[in-house]
Amino acid sequence: MTGDGKDIDALIASVFKSKDGKKLLSYLDERFIRQAVCNPGQVDGQGYFREGQNSVIRYFQSCIKRQEKGDY
């Protein structure tokens, strides 16, 4: 898919602003962002993996905010 940042932000916002999209984003936030990144006894690298998961959700959230505010 090609396009500039505005196009991607608009697409992501469109998907996640729908009723089902809001439910999904809320679930993803609860499932990934609001969970511990590092736990005692976890394998080396697990914290990096978890931060990678979180960064995808944060990216979606920042695209939505930029699109709403028109910050370009």
N, C-alpha and C. Protein backbone atom coordinates (compact mmCIF):
# COMPACT_ATOMS: atom_id res chain seq x y z
N MET A 1 0.83 -1.17 0.00
CA MET A 1 0.00 0.00 0.00
C MET A 1 0.88 1.23 0.00
N THR A 2 0.54 2.16 -0.84
CA THR A 2 1.30 3.41 -0.88
C THR A 2 0.42 4.55 -0.42
N GLY A 3 1.04 5.64 -0.07
CA GLY A 3 0.31 6.81 0.37
C GLY A 3 1.13 7.58 1.38
N ASP A 4 0.73 8.82 1.56
CA ASP A 4 1.46 9.61 2.55
C ASP A 4 0.89 9.38 3.94
N GLY A 5 1.49 10.01 4.92
CA GLY A 5 1.08 9.82 6.30
C GLY A 5 -0.38 10.15 6.55
N LYS A 6 -0.87 11.20 5.88
CA LYS A 6 -2.28 11.58 6.07
C LYS A 6 -3.21 10.46 5.63
N ASP A 7 -2.89 9.84 4.51
CA ASP A 7 -3.74 8.75 4.00
C ASP A 7 -3.76 7.57 4.96
N ILE A 8 -2.61 7.22 5.46
CA ILE A 8 -2.52 6.09 6.41
C ILE A 8 -3.26 6.42 7.69
N ASP A 9 -3.02 7.63 8.22
CA ASP A 9 -3.72 8.05 9.44
C ASP A 9 -5.23 8.01 9.24
N ALA A 10 -5.70 8.51 8.10
CA ALA A 10 -7.14 8.54 7.82
C ALA A 10 -7.70 7.12 7.73
N LEU A 11 -6.95 6.22 7.10
CA LEU A 11 -7.40 4.83 6.98
C LEU A 11 -7.49 4.17 8.35
N ILE A 12 -6.44 4.32 9.14
CA ILE A 12 -6.42 3.71 10.48
C ILE A 12 -7.53 4.30 11.34
N ALA A 13 -7.69 5.63 11.29
CA ALA A 13 -8.75 6.28 12.07
C ALA A 13 -10.12 5.79 11.63
N SER A 14 -10.31 5.64 10.34
CA SER A 14 -11.60 5.16 9.83
C SER A 14 -11.92 3.77 10.35
N VAL A 15 -10.94 2.90 10.35
CA VAL A 15 -11.14 1.53 10.82
C VAL A 15 -11.43 1.50 12.32
N PHE A 16 -10.64 2.23 13.10
CA PHE A 16 -10.76 2.14 14.55
C PHE A 16 -11.79 3.10 15.16
N LYS A 17 -12.41 3.95 14.35
CA LYS A 17 -13.46 4.82 14.86
C LYS A 17 -14.85 4.19 14.71
N SER A 18 -14.94 3.11 13.98
CA SER A 18 -16.22 2.41 13.87
C SER A 18 -16.53 1.76 15.22
N LYS A 19 -17.77 1.35 15.40
CA LYS A 19 -18.18 0.73 16.67
C LYS A 19 -17.30 -0.49 16.97
N ASP A 20 -17.16 -1.37 15.99
CA ASP A 20 -16.34 -2.57 16.19
C ASP A 20 -14.86 -2.22 16.33
N GLY A 21 -14.41 -1.23 15.58
CA GLY A 21 -13.02 -0.81 15.66
C GLY A 21 -12.66 -0.28 17.04
N LYS A 22 -13.57 0.49 17.63
CA LYS A 22 -13.35 1.00 18.99
C LYS A 22 -13.25 -0.15 19.99
N LYS A 23 -14.12 -1.15 19.82
CA LYS A 23 -14.08 -2.32 20.70
C LYS A 23 -12.76 -3.06 20.54
N LEU A 24 -12.33 -3.21 19.30
CA LEU A 24 -11.08 -3.91 19.04
C LEU A 24 -9.89 -3.14 19.61
N LEU A 25 -9.83 -1.84 19.39
CA LEU A 25 -8.71 -1.05 19.90
C LEU A 25 -8.69 -1.06 21.43
N SER A 26 -9.86 -1.03 22.03
CA SER A 26 -9.95 -1.12 23.49
C SER A 26 -9.41 -2.46 23.98
N TYR A 27 -9.78 -3.53 23.29
CA TYR A 27 -9.28 -4.87 23.64
C TYR A 27 -7.76 -4.92 23.49
N LEU A 28 -7.24 -4.41 22.38
CA LEU A 28 -5.80 -4.44 22.14
C LEU A 28 -5.05 -3.63 23.19
N ASP A 29 -5.62 -2.48 23.57
CA ASP A 29 -5.01 -1.66 24.61
C ASP A 29 -4.96 -2.44 25.93
N GLU A 30 -6.07 -3.05 26.29
CA GLU A 30 -6.13 -3.82 27.54
C GLU A 30 -5.19 -5.03 27.48
N ARG A 31 -5.15 -5.70 26.36
CA ARG A 31 -4.38 -6.94 26.20
C ARG A 31 -2.87 -6.70 26.16
N PHE A 32 -2.46 -5.59 25.53
CA PHE A 32 -1.03 -5.37 25.34
C PHE A 32 -0.48 -4.19 26.14
N ILE A 33 -1.07 -3.02 26.02
CA ILE A 33 -0.52 -1.83 26.67
C ILE A 33 -0.62 -1.91 28.18
N ARG A 34 -1.74 -2.37 28.69
CA ARG A 34 -1.99 -2.34 30.13
C ARG A 34 -1.49 -3.61 30.86
N GLN A 35 -0.60 -4.31 30.24
CA GLN A 35 0.01 -5.49 30.86
C GLN A 35 1.48 -5.20 31.11
N ALA A 36 2.03 -5.87 32.07
CA ALA A 36 3.46 -5.69 32.38
C ALA A 36 4.32 -6.07 31.18
N VAL A 37 5.36 -5.28 30.98
CA VAL A 37 6.30 -5.56 29.89
C VAL A 37 7.31 -6.60 30.34
N CYS A 38 7.78 -6.45 31.56
CA CYS A 38 8.79 -7.37 32.11
C CYS A 38 8.24 -8.02 33.37
N ASN A 39 8.39 -9.31 33.45
CA ASN A 39 7.97 -10.07 34.63
C ASN A 39 9.17 -10.81 35.20
N PRO A 40 9.19 -11.01 36.52
CA PRO A 40 10.30 -11.75 37.13
C PRO A 40 10.43 -13.15 36.51
N GLY A 41 11.63 -13.53 36.20
CA GLY A 41 11.90 -14.86 35.69
C GLY A 41 11.64 -15.06 34.21
N GLN A 42 11.28 -14.01 33.51
CA GLN A 42 11.01 -14.21 32.08
C GLN A 42 12.30 -14.40 31.30
N VAL A 43 12.18 -14.93 30.12
CA VAL A 43 13.33 -15.20 29.26
C VAL A 43 13.94 -13.89 28.77
N ASP A 44 15.26 -13.90 28.55
CA ASP A 44 15.91 -12.72 28.00
C ASP A 44 15.24 -12.32 26.69
N GLY A 45 15.03 -11.06 26.53
CA GLY A 45 14.45 -10.57 25.28
C GLY A 45 12.93 -10.45 25.31
N GLN A 46 12.28 -11.06 26.29
CA GLN A 46 10.82 -11.01 26.34
C GLN A 46 10.31 -9.58 26.48
N GLY A 47 11.02 -8.75 27.26
CA GLY A 47 10.63 -7.35 27.43
C GLY A 47 10.69 -6.60 26.11
N TYR A 48 11.70 -6.89 25.31
CA TYR A 48 11.81 -6.24 23.99
C TYR A 48 10.66 -6.67 23.08
N PHE A 49 10.33 -7.94 23.14
CA PHE A 49 9.21 -8.46 22.35
C PHE A 49 7.91 -7.77 22.75
N ARG A 50 7.67 -7.66 24.07
CA ARG A 50 6.45 -7.01 24.56
C ARG A 50 6.39 -5.54 24.15
N GLU A 51 7.53 -4.86 24.22
CA GLU A 51 7.55 -3.45 23.80
C GLU A 51 7.24 -3.33 22.31
N GLY A 52 7.67 -4.29 21.53
CA GLY A 52 7.34 -4.30 20.10
C GLY A 52 5.84 -4.43 19.88
N GLN A 53 5.19 -5.30 20.65
CA GLN A 53 3.74 -5.42 20.56
C GLN A 53 3.08 -4.09 20.92
N ASN A 54 3.53 -3.50 22.01
CA ASN A 54 2.95 -2.25 22.48
C ASN A 54 3.12 -1.13 21.45
N SER A 55 4.26 -1.12 20.78
CA SER A 55 4.52 -0.03 19.84
C SER A 55 3.54 -0.04 18.67
N VAL A 56 3.06 -1.20 18.28
CA VAL A 56 2.07 -1.28 17.20
C VAL A 56 0.77 -0.61 17.63
N ILE A 57 0.31 -0.91 18.84
CA ILE A 57 -0.93 -0.32 19.35
C ILE A 57 -0.75 1.18 19.52
N ARG A 58 0.38 1.60 20.05
CA ARG A 58 0.64 3.04 20.21
C ARG A 58 0.69 3.74 18.87
N TYR A 59 1.20 3.08 17.86
CA TYR A 59 1.22 3.66 16.51
C TYR A 59 -0.20 3.91 16.02
N PHE A 60 -1.08 2.93 16.17
CA PHE A 60 -2.48 3.11 15.79
C PHE A 60 -3.09 4.30 16.53
N GLN A 61 -2.85 4.36 17.84
CA GLN A 61 -3.41 5.44 18.66
C GLN A 61 -2.88 6.80 18.22
N SER A 62 -1.60 6.90 17.90
CA SER A 62 -1.05 8.18 17.48
C SER A 62 -1.56 8.59 16.10
N CYS A 63 -1.78 7.63 15.20
CA CYS A 63 -2.37 7.94 13.89
C CYS A 63 -3.76 8.53 14.06
N ILE A 64 -4.55 7.94 14.93
CA ILE A 64 -5.91 8.42 15.18
C ILE A 64 -5.87 9.83 15.74
N LYS A 65 -4.99 10.09 16.70
CA LYS A 65 -4.89 11.42 17.30
C LYS A 65 -4.46 12.46 16.27
N ARG A 66 -3.46 12.12 15.44
CA ARG A 66 -3.01 13.06 14.39
C ARG A 66 -4.14 13.37 13.44
N GLN A 67 -4.88 12.35 13.05
CA GLN A 67 -5.97 12.55 12.09
C GLN A 67 -7.06 13.42 12.70
N GLU A 68 -7.38 13.21 13.97
CA GLU A 68 -8.41 14.00 14.63
C GLU A 68 -8.01 15.48 14.77
N LYS A 69 -6.74 15.70 15.10
CA LYS A 69 -6.25 17.05 15.33
C LYS A 69 -5.77 17.75 14.05
N GLY A 70 -5.50 16.96 13.01
CA GLY A 70 -4.95 17.53 11.78
C GLY A 70 -3.52 18.01 11.96
N ASP A 71 -2.78 17.36 12.84
CA ASP A 71 -1.38 17.74 13.12
C ASP A 71 -0.45 17.20 12.04
N TYR A 72 -0.27 17.97 10.97
CA TYR A 72 0.64 17.56 9.90
C TYR A 72 1.56 18.70 9.55
